[in-house]
PDB file of N, CA and C in Angstrom:
ATOM      1  N   MET A   1     -21.477  21.280 -11.975  1.00  0.00           N
ATOM      2  CA  MET A   1     -22.159  21.713 -10.779  1.00  0.00           C
ATOM      3  C   MET A   1     -22.700  23.114 -11.043  1.00  0.00           C
ATOM      4  N   ASP A   2     -23.966  23.317 -10.773  1.00  0.00           N
ATOM      5  CA  ASP A   2     -24.511  24.647 -10.999  1.00  0.00           C
ATOM      6  C   ASP A   2     -24.508  25.467  -9.714  1.00  0.00           C
ATOM      7  N   LEU A   3     -24.786  26.748  -9.857  1.00  0.00           N
ATOM      8  CA  LEU A   3     -24.723  27.649  -8.704  1.00  0.00           C
ATOM      9  C   LEU A   3     -25.736  27.289  -7.627  1.00  0.00           C
ATOM     10  N   GLU A   4     -26.855  26.698  -8.027  1.00  0.00           N
ATOM     11  CA  GLU A   4     -27.851  26.307  -7.044  1.00  0.00           C
ATOM     12  C   GLU A   4     -27.268  25.299  -6.060  1.00  0.00           C
ATOM     13  N   ASP A   5     -26.459  24.370  -6.561  1.00  0.00           N
ATOM     14  CA  ASP A   5     -25.814  23.392  -5.683  1.00  0.00           C
ATOM     15  C   ASP A   5     -24.894  24.097  -4.682  1.00  0.00           C
ATOM     16  N   LYS A   6     -24.133  25.078  -5.149  1.00  0.00           N
ATOM     17  CA  LYS A   6     -23.194  25.777  -4.270  1.00  0.00           C
ATOM     18  C   LYS A   6     -23.904  26.599  -3.210  1.00  0.00           C
ATOM     19  N   ALA A   7     -25.163  26.925  -3.416  1.00  0.00           N
ATOM     20  CA  ALA A   7     -25.912  27.678  -2.411  1.00  0.00           C
ATOM     21  C   ALA A   7     -26.036  26.879  -1.116  1.00  0.00           C
ATOM     22  N   ASN A   8     -25.915  25.561  -1.202  1.00  0.00           N
ATOM     23  CA  ASN A   8     -26.031  24.701  -0.025  1.00  0.00           C
ATOM     24  C   ASN A   8     -24.675  24.389   0.611  1.00  0.00           C
ATOM     25  N   TYR A   9     -23.604  24.987   0.120  1.00  0.00           N
ATOM     26  CA  TYR A   9     -22.275  24.741   0.652  1.00  0.00           C
ATOM     27  C   TYR A   9     -22.011  25.602   1.876  1.00  0.00           C
ATOM     28  N   PHE A  10     -21.175  25.107   2.750  1.00  0.00           N
ATOM     29  CA  PHE A  10     -20.730  25.849   3.924  1.00  0.00           C
ATOM     30  C   PHE A  10     -19.233  26.095   3.793  1.00  0.00           C
ATOM     31  N   ARG A  11     -18.791  27.269   4.199  1.00  0.00           N
ATOM     32  CA  ARG A  11     -17.362  27.563   4.211  1.00  0.00           C
ATOM     33  C   ARG A  11     -16.791  26.973   5.497  1.00  0.00           C
ATOM     34  N   VAL A  12     -15.755  26.164   5.343  1.00  0.00           N
ATOM     35  CA  VAL A  12     -15.123  25.508   6.480  1.00  0.00           C
ATOM     36  C   VAL A  12     -13.643  25.902   6.486  1.00  0.00           C
ATOM     37  N   PRO A  13     -13.247  26.713   7.438  1.00  0.00           N
ATOM     38  CA  PRO A  13     -11.831  27.087   7.475  1.00  0.00           C
ATOM     39  C   PRO A  13     -10.985  25.911   7.945  1.00  0.00           C
ATOM     40  N   ILE A  14      -9.945  25.621   7.197  1.00  0.00           N
ATOM     41  CA  ILE A  14      -9.019  24.561   7.597  1.00  0.00           C
ATOM     42  C   ILE A  14      -7.605  25.122   7.560  1.00  0.00           C
ATOM     43  N   THR A  15      -6.760  24.572   8.377  1.00  0.00           N
ATOM     44  CA  THR A  15      -5.358  24.975   8.371  1.00  0.00           C
ATOM     45  C   THR A  15      -4.512  23.757   8.026  1.00  0.00           C
ATOM     46  N   MET A  16      -3.431  24.016   7.315  1.00  0.00           N
ATOM     47  CA  MET A  16      -2.511  22.937   6.965  1.00  0.00           C
ATOM     48  C   MET A  16      -1.148  23.548   6.694  1.00  0.00           C
ATOM     49  N   PRO A  17      -0.102  22.736   6.852  1.00  0.00           N
ATOM     50  CA  PRO A  17       1.247  23.247   6.605  1.00  0.00           C
ATOM     51  C   PRO A  17       1.469  23.545   5.121  1.00  0.00           C
ATOM     52  N   ALA A  18       2.475  24.350   4.862  1.00  0.00           N
ATOM     53  CA  ALA A  18       2.774  24.802   3.498  1.00  0.00           C
ATOM     54  C   ALA A  18       3.001  23.637   2.540  1.00  0.00           C
ATOM     55  N   ASP A  19       3.624  22.549   2.993  1.00  0.00           N
ATOM     56  CA  ASP A  19       3.892  21.439   2.072  1.00  0.00           C
ATOM     57  C   ASP A  19       2.605  20.775   1.594  1.00  0.00           C
ATOM     58  N   MET A  20       1.577  20.766   2.430  1.00  0.00           N
ATOM     59  CA  MET A  20       0.297  20.198   1.998  1.00  0.00           C
ATOM     60  C   MET A  20      -0.391  21.103   0.981  1.00  0.00           C
ATOM     61  N   VAL A  21      -0.310  22.402   1.209  1.00  0.00           N
ATOM     62  CA  VAL A  21      -0.889  23.353   0.257  1.00  0.00           C
ATOM     63  C   VAL A  21      -0.159  23.233  -1.082  1.00  0.00           C
ATOM     64  N   GLU A  22       1.163  23.118  -1.029  1.00  0.00           N
ATOM     65  CA  GLU A  22       1.954  22.957  -2.248  1.00  0.00           C
ATOM     66  C   GLU A  22       1.560  21.678  -2.985  1.00  0.00           C
ATOM     67  N   PHE A  23       1.326  20.602  -2.243  1.00  0.00           N
ATOM     68  CA  PHE A  23       0.884  19.343  -2.841  1.00  0.00           C
ATOM     69  C   PHE A  23      -0.443  19.533  -3.578  1.00  0.00           C
ATOM     70  N   LEU A  24      -1.400  20.209  -2.949  1.00  0.00           N
ATOM     71  CA  LEU A  24      -2.694  20.450  -3.581  1.00  0.00           C
ATOM     72  C   LEU A  24      -2.531  21.267  -4.859  1.00  0.00           C
ATOM     73  N   GLU A  25      -1.716  22.320  -4.793  1.00  0.00           N
ATOM     74  CA  GLU A  25      -1.493  23.175  -5.957  1.00  0.00           C
ATOM     75  C   GLU A  25      -0.866  22.379  -7.104  1.00  0.00           C
ATOM     76  N   LYS A  26       0.135  21.566  -6.792  1.00  0.00           N
ATOM     77  CA  LYS A  26       0.800  20.769  -7.829  1.00  0.00           C
ATOM     78  C   LYS A  26      -0.165  19.762  -8.448  1.00  0.00           C
ATOM     79  N   MET A  27      -0.998  19.152  -7.626  1.00  0.00           N
ATOM     80  CA  MET A  27      -1.978  18.195  -8.131  1.00  0.00           C
ATOM     81  C   MET A  27      -2.947  18.890  -9.080  1.00  0.00           C
ATOM     82  N   GLY A  28      -3.420  20.050  -8.672  1.00  0.00           N
ATOM     83  CA  GLY A  28      -4.352  20.794  -9.514  1.00  0.00           C
ATOM     84  C   GLY A  28      -3.741  21.212 -10.834  1.00  0.00           C
ATOM     85  N   MET A  29      -2.486  21.643 -10.818  1.00  0.00           N
ATOM     86  CA  MET A  29      -1.808  22.075 -12.040  1.00  0.00           C
ATOM     87  C   MET A  29      -1.436  20.900 -12.939  1.00  0.00           C
ATOM     88  N   ARG A  30      -1.171  19.750 -12.355  1.00  0.00           N
ATOM     89  CA  ARG A  30      -0.834  18.569 -13.169  1.00  0.00           C
ATOM     90  C   ARG A  30      -1.981  18.236 -14.110  1.00  0.00           C
ATOM     91  N   SER A  31      -3.191  18.352 -13.628  1.00  0.00           N
ATOM     92  CA  SER A  31      -4.347  18.086 -14.472  1.00  0.00           C
ATOM     93  C   SER A  31      -4.348  19.020 -15.683  1.00  0.00           C
ATOM     94  N   LYS A  32      -4.061  20.288 -15.441  1.00  0.00           N
ATOM     95  CA  LYS A  32      -4.046  21.276 -16.535  1.00  0.00           C
ATOM     96  C   LYS A  32      -2.926  20.970 -17.528  1.00  0.00           C
ATOM     97  N   ARG A  33      -1.739  20.645 -17.030  1.00  0.00           N
ATOM     98  CA  ARG A  33      -0.593  20.354 -17.906  1.00  0.00           C
ATOM     99  C   ARG A  33      -0.816  19.120 -18.767  1.00  0.00           C
ATOM    100  N   THR A  34      -1.688  18.230 -18.329  1.00  0.00           N
ATOM    101  CA  THR A  34      -1.899  16.981 -19.058  1.00  0.00           C
ATOM    102  C   THR A  34      -3.211  16.975 -19.843  1.00  0.00           C
ATOM    103  N   GLY A  35      -3.719  18.171 -20.129  1.00  0.00           N
ATOM    104  CA  GLY A  35      -4.879  18.269 -21.014  1.00  0.00           C
ATOM    105  C   GLY A  35      -6.209  18.520 -20.348  1.00  0.00           C
ATOM    106  N   GLY A  36      -6.235  18.540 -19.023  1.00  0.00           N
ATOM    107  CA  GLY A  36      -7.485  18.818 -18.325  1.00  0.00           C
ATOM    108  C   GLY A  36      -7.556  20.273 -17.905  1.00  0.00           C
ATOM    109  N   LYS A  37      -8.354  20.521 -16.913  1.00  0.00           N
ATOM    110  CA  LYS A  37      -8.448  21.850 -16.325  1.00  0.00           C
ATOM    111  C   LYS A  37      -7.772  21.819 -14.963  1.00  0.00           C
ATOM    112  N   LYS A  38      -7.355  23.005 -14.483  1.00  0.00           N
ATOM    113  CA  LYS A  38      -6.777  23.070 -13.146  1.00  0.00           C
ATOM    114  C   LYS A  38      -7.851  22.671 -12.140  1.00  0.00           C
ATOM    115  N   ILE A  39      -7.504  21.775 -11.271  1.00  0.00           N
ATOM    116  CA  ILE A  39      -8.445  21.331 -10.242  1.00  0.00           C
ATOM    117  C   ILE A  39      -8.272  22.246  -9.029  1.00  0.00           C
ATOM    118  N   PRO A  40      -9.321  22.952  -8.618  1.00  0.00           N
ATOM    119  CA  PRO A  40      -9.207  23.821  -7.438  1.00  0.00           C
ATOM    120  C   PRO A  40      -8.952  23.003  -6.170  1.00  0.00           C
ATOM    121  N   ASN A  41      -8.221  23.595  -5.238  1.00  0.00           N
ATOM    122  CA  ASN A  41      -7.943  22.929  -3.964  1.00  0.00           C
ATOM    123  C   ASN A  41      -9.222  22.474  -3.284  1.00  0.00           C
ATOM    124  N   THR A  42     -10.253  23.301  -3.334  1.00  0.00           N
ATOM    125  CA  THR A  42     -11.509  22.935  -2.666  1.00  0.00           C
ATOM    126  C   THR A  42     -12.128  21.690  -3.283  1.00  0.00           C
ATOM    127  N   MET A  43     -11.996  21.529  -4.598  1.00  0.00           N
ATOM    128  CA  MET A  43     -12.536  20.334  -5.243  1.00  0.00           C
ATOM    129  C   MET A  43     -11.780  19.093  -4.790  1.00  0.00           C
ATOM    130  N   ILE A  44     -10.462  19.197  -4.668  1.00  0.00           N
ATOM    131  CA  ILE A  44      -9.646  18.068  -4.219  1.00  0.00           C
ATOM    132  C   ILE A  44     -10.045  17.669  -2.804  1.00  0.00           C
ATOM    133  N   VAL A  45     -10.204  18.642  -1.924  1.00  0.00           N
ATOM    134  CA  VAL A  45     -10.570  18.352  -0.531  1.00  0.00           C
ATOM    135  C   VAL A  45     -11.975  17.757  -0.465  1.00  0.00           C
ATOM    136  N   ARG A  46     -12.934  18.324  -1.214  1.00  0.00           N
ATOM    137  CA  ARG A  46     -14.302  17.763  -1.212  1.00  0.00           C
ATOM    138  C   ARG A  46     -14.299  16.321  -1.701  1.00  0.00           C
ATOM    139  N   SER A  47     -13.531  16.050  -2.752  1.00  0.00           N
ATOM    140  CA  SER A  47     -13.450  14.692  -3.281  1.00  0.00           C
ATOM    141  C   SER A  47     -12.869  13.733  -2.245  1.00  0.00           C
ATOM    142  N   ALA A  48     -11.808  14.171  -1.556  1.00  0.00           N
ATOM    143  CA  ALA A  48     -11.193  13.334  -0.526  1.00  0.00           C
ATOM    144  C   ALA A  48     -12.178  13.029   0.600  1.00  0.00           C
ATOM    145  N   VAL A  49     -12.964  14.010   0.993  1.00  0.00           N
ATOM    146  CA  VAL A  49     -13.952  13.794   2.057  1.00  0.00           C
ATOM    147  C   VAL A  49     -15.038  12.823   1.582  1.00  0.00           C
ATOM    148  N   ARG A  50     -15.474  12.961   0.312  1.00  0.00           N
ATOM    149  CA  ARG A  50     -16.469  12.013  -0.214  1.00  0.00           C
ATOM    150  C   ARG A  50     -15.940  10.592  -0.192  1.00  0.00           C
ATOM    151  N   VAL A  51     -14.672  10.404  -0.579  1.00  0.00           N
ATOM    152  CA  VAL A  51     -14.071   9.063  -0.577  1.00  0.00           C
ATOM    153  C   VAL A  51     -13.989   8.535   0.849  1.00  0.00           C
ATOM    154  N   LEU A  52     -13.579   9.382   1.798  1.00  0.00           N
ATOM    155  CA  LEU A  52     -13.528   8.948   3.204  1.00  0.00           C
ATOM    156  C   LEU A  52     -14.892   8.453   3.667  1.00  0.00           C
ATOM    157  N   GLY A  53     -15.938   9.111   3.204  1.00  0.00           N
ATOM    158  CA  GLY A  53     -17.291   8.713   3.587  1.00  0.00           C
ATOM    159  C   GLY A  53     -17.691   7.346   3.077  1.00  0.00           C
ATOM    160  N   LYS A  54     -17.005   6.855   2.046  1.00  0.00           N
ATOM    161  CA  LYS A  54     -17.317   5.543   1.478  1.00  0.00           C
ATOM    162  C   LYS A  54     -16.531   4.415   2.139  1.00  0.00           C
ATOM    163  N   LEU A  55     -15.555   4.781   2.952  1.00  0.00           N
ATOM    164  CA  LEU A  55     -14.729   3.772   3.611  1.00  0.00           C
ATOM    165  C   LEU A  55     -15.353   3.328   4.927  1.00  0.00           C
ATOM    166  N   ASP A  56     -15.034   2.119   5.325  1.00  0.00           N
ATOM    167  CA  ASP A  56     -15.436   1.626   6.647  1.00  0.00           C
ATOM    168  C   ASP A  56     -14.339   2.066   7.609  1.00  0.00           C
ATOM    169  N   LEU A  57     -14.385   3.337   7.992  1.00  0.00           N
ATOM    170  CA  LEU A  57     -13.323   3.950   8.785  1.00  0.00           C
ATOM    171  C   LEU A  57     -13.692   3.933  10.259  1.00  0.00           C
ATOM    172  N   ASN A  58     -12.872   3.269  11.045  1.00  0.00           N
ATOM    173  CA  ASN A  58     -13.089   3.196  12.481  1.00  0.00           C
ATOM    174  C   ASN A  58     -12.233   4.269  13.153  1.00  0.00           C
ATOM    175  N   VAL A  59     -12.879   5.287  13.706  1.00  0.00           N
ATOM    176  CA  VAL A  59     -12.147   6.361  14.376  1.00  0.00           C
ATOM    177  C   VAL A  59     -12.274   6.266  15.895  1.00  0.00           C
ATOM    178  N   ASP A  60     -12.806   5.163  16.386  1.00  0.00           N
ATOM    179  CA  ASP A  60     -12.960   4.997  17.836  1.00  0.00           C
ATOM    180  C   ASP A  60     -11.612   5.137  18.537  1.00  0.00           C
ATOM    181  N   GLY A  61     -11.542   6.025  19.495  1.00  0.00           N
ATOM    182  CA  GLY A  61     -10.363   6.172  20.337  1.00  0.00           C
ATOM    183  C   GLY A  61      -9.154   6.827  19.695  1.00  0.00           C
ATOM    184  N   VAL A  62      -9.287   7.358  18.490  1.00  0.00           N
ATOM    185  CA  VAL A  62      -8.138   7.996  17.830  1.00  0.00           C
ATOM    186  C   VAL A  62      -7.699   9.208  18.649  1.00  0.00           C
ATOM    187  N   GLN A  63      -6.389   9.328  18.844  1.00  0.00           N
ATOM    188  CA  GLN A  63      -5.871  10.437  19.649  1.00  0.00           C
ATOM    189  C   GLN A  63      -4.894  11.338  18.908  1.00  0.00           C
ATOM    190  N   THR A  64      -4.340  10.877  17.787  1.00  0.00           N
ATOM    191  CA  THR A  64      -3.374  11.705  17.066  1.00  0.00           C
ATOM    192  C   THR A  64      -3.687  11.702  15.570  1.00  0.00           C
ATOM    193  N   GLU A  65      -3.167  12.695  14.892  1.00  0.00           N
ATOM    194  CA  GLU A  65      -3.331  12.766  13.443  1.00  0.00           C
ATOM    195  C   GLU A  65      -2.643  11.582  12.762  1.00  0.00           C
ATOM    196  N   GLU A  66      -1.496  11.184  13.296  1.00  0.00           N
ATOM    197  CA  GLU A  66      -0.774  10.048  12.727  1.00  0.00           C
ATOM    198  C   GLU A  66      -1.581   8.757  12.864  1.00  0.00           C
ATOM    199  N   GLU A  67      -2.239   8.595  14.000  1.00  0.00           N
ATOM    200  CA  GLU A  67      -3.091   7.414  14.192  1.00  0.00           C
ATOM    201  C   GLU A  67      -4.259   7.438  13.215  1.00  0.00           C
ATOM    202  N   LEU A  68      -4.824   8.613  12.990  1.00  0.00           N
ATOM    203  CA  LEU A  68      -5.906   8.732  12.015  1.00  0.00           C
ATOM    204  C   LEU A  68      -5.407   8.387  10.616  1.00  0.00           C
ATOM    205  N   ASP A  69      -4.207   8.854  10.266  1.00  0.00           N
ATOM    206  CA  ASP A  69      -3.611   8.501   8.971  1.00  0.00           C
ATOM    207  C   ASP A  69      -3.582   6.982   8.803  1.00  0.00           C
ATOM    208  N   GLU A  70      -3.102   6.280   9.816  1.00  0.00           N
ATOM    209  CA  GLU A  70      -3.005   4.818   9.746  1.00  0.00           C
ATOM    210  C   GLU A  70      -4.377   4.166   9.621  1.00  0.00           C
ATOM    211  N   ARG A  71      -5.353   4.683  10.345  1.00  0.00           N
ATOM    212  CA  ARG A  71      -6.711   4.129  10.247  1.00  0.00           C
ATOM    213  C   ARG A  71      -7.267   4.318   8.841  1.00  0.00           C
ATOM    214  N   ILE A  72      -7.009   5.471   8.249  1.00  0.00           N
ATOM    215  CA  ILE A  72      -7.491   5.735   6.891  1.00  0.00           C
ATOM    216  C   ILE A  72      -6.806   4.787   5.907  1.00  0.00           C
ATOM    217  N   LEU A  73      -5.488   4.632   6.033  1.00  0.00           N
ATOM    218  CA  LEU A  73      -4.769   3.714   5.144  1.00  0.00           C
ATOM    219  C   LEU A  73      -5.275   2.280   5.302  1.00  0.00           C
ATOM    220  N   ASP A  74      -5.530   1.861   6.529  1.00  0.00           N
ATOM    221  CA  ASP A  74      -6.081   0.515   6.754  1.00  0.00           C
ATOM    222  C   ASP A  74      -7.444   0.366   6.089  1.00  0.00           C
ATOM    223  N   ALA A  75      -8.283   1.371   6.226  1.00  0.00           N
ATOM    224  CA  ALA A  75      -9.609   1.316   5.602  1.00  0.00           C
ATOM    225  C   ALA A  75      -9.488   1.262   4.074  1.00  0.00           C
ATOM    226  N   CYS A  76      -8.523   1.984   3.519  1.00  0.00           N
ATOM    227  CA  CYS A  76      -8.291   1.942   2.061  1.00  0.00           C
ATOM    228  C   CYS A  76      -7.869   0.546   1.623  1.00  0.00           C
ATOM    229  N   ARG A  77      -7.012  -0.086   2.393  1.00  0.00           N
ATOM    230  CA  ARG A  77      -6.545  -1.441   2.047  1.00  0.00           C
ATOM    231  C   ARG A  77      -7.697  -2.439   2.058  1.00  0.00           C
ATOM    232  N   ARG A  78      -8.650  -2.242   2.956  1.00  0.00           N
ATOM    233  CA  ARG A  78      -9.785  -3.159   3.081  1.00  0.00           C
ATOM    234  C   ARG A  78     -10.901  -2.858   2.089  1.00  0.00           C
ATOM    235  N   TYR A  79     -10.890  -1.695   1.466  1.00  0.00           N
ATOM    236  CA  TYR A  79     -11.976  -1.272   0.588  1.00  0.00           C
ATOM    237  C   TYR A  79     -12.061  -2.181  -0.631  1.00  0.00           C
ATOM    238  N   LYS A  80     -13.278  -2.569  -0.954  1.00  0.00           N
ATOM    239  CA  LYS A  80     -13.498  -3.428  -2.141  1.00  0.00           C
ATOM    240  C   LYS A  80     -14.461  -2.785  -3.077  1.00  0.00           C
TER     241      LYS A  80
END
């Protein structure tokens, strides 16, 4: 990715509990320990959002984060 691409990026502040941040850090470091490069947290989140965009995710009427989790898992199971 070149700098020109990043010129079109927006900074989006997100909050998450410490265990989620720790998960992202461990995932990024695992890549480095196994011969790759450390994956930045922002890259992991961008990738996850891109994958969500490819799913047939029905968010109609969702009221809780847990319900959204289940909808995402259901969409993953149906993905072909």
